């Protein structure tokens, strides 16, 4: 997907090039994608751990 652009080979030049590319052309991140990192979502996941 779109976020795969952030993957880089394990060399310093490749990482630097990827970081520059992402910095200058950041991927679009919508609210739905960020929702799984919300406090409410994380707390719900944590509570689910108690049930297993």
Protein backbone atom coordinates (compact mmCIF):
# COMPACT_ATOMS: atom_id res chain seq x y z
CA UNK A 1 0.00 0.00 0.00
CA UNK A 2 0.85 3.65 0.23
CA UNK A 3 2.84 3.23 3.45
CA UNK A 4 5.17 0.70 1.81
CA UNK A 5 7.05 3.70 0.42
CA UNK A 6 8.55 4.00 3.91
CA UNK A 7 10.35 0.68 3.65
CA UNK A 8 14.07 0.93 2.93
CA UNK A 9 16.98 -1.36 2.31
CA UNK A 10 19.25 -1.83 5.31
CA UNK A 11 21.91 0.63 4.20
CA UNK A 12 22.50 4.19 5.34
CA UNK A 13 22.10 5.72 1.85
CA UNK A 14 18.85 3.83 1.21
CA UNK A 15 17.44 4.83 4.58
CA UNK A 16 18.43 8.47 4.03
CA UNK A 17 16.82 8.51 0.58
CA UNK A 18 13.61 6.94 1.91
CA UNK A 19 13.44 9.38 4.82
CA UNK A 20 13.88 12.34 2.47
CA UNK A 21 11.20 11.00 0.13
CA UNK A 22 8.68 10.55 2.95
CA UNK A 23 9.58 13.94 4.46
CA UNK A 24 9.04 15.79 1.18
CA UNK A 25 5.99 13.74 0.12
CA UNK A 26 4.28 12.44 3.27
CA UNK A 27 1.57 9.83 2.86
CA UNK A 28 -2.02 10.85 3.49
CA UNK A 29 -3.19 9.50 6.84
CA UNK A 30 -6.91 9.70 7.47
CA UNK A 31 -8.72 9.71 10.80
CA UNK A 32 -9.86 6.10 10.37
CA UNK A 33 -6.25 4.95 10.12
CA UNK A 34 -5.34 6.81 13.31
CA UNK A 35 -8.37 5.55 15.25
CA UNK A 36 -6.66 2.29 16.21
CA UNK A 37 -4.06 4.34 18.11
CA UNK A 38 -6.61 6.36 20.10
CA UNK A 39 -6.73 6.12 23.88
CA UNK A 40 -10.19 4.56 23.75
CA UNK A 41 -9.14 1.90 21.24
CA UNK A 42 -5.98 1.00 23.15
CA UNK A 43 -7.89 0.76 26.44
CA UNK A 44 -10.45 -1.53 24.82
CA UNK A 45 -7.69 -3.78 23.52
CA UNK A 46 -6.06 -3.82 26.96
CA UNK A 47 -9.36 -4.84 28.59
CA UNK A 48 -9.71 -7.64 26.05
CA UNK A 49 -6.44 -9.13 27.36
CA UNK A 50 -8.09 -9.80 30.74
CA UNK A 51 -10.73 -11.99 29.07
CA UNK A 52 -8.25 -14.41 27.55
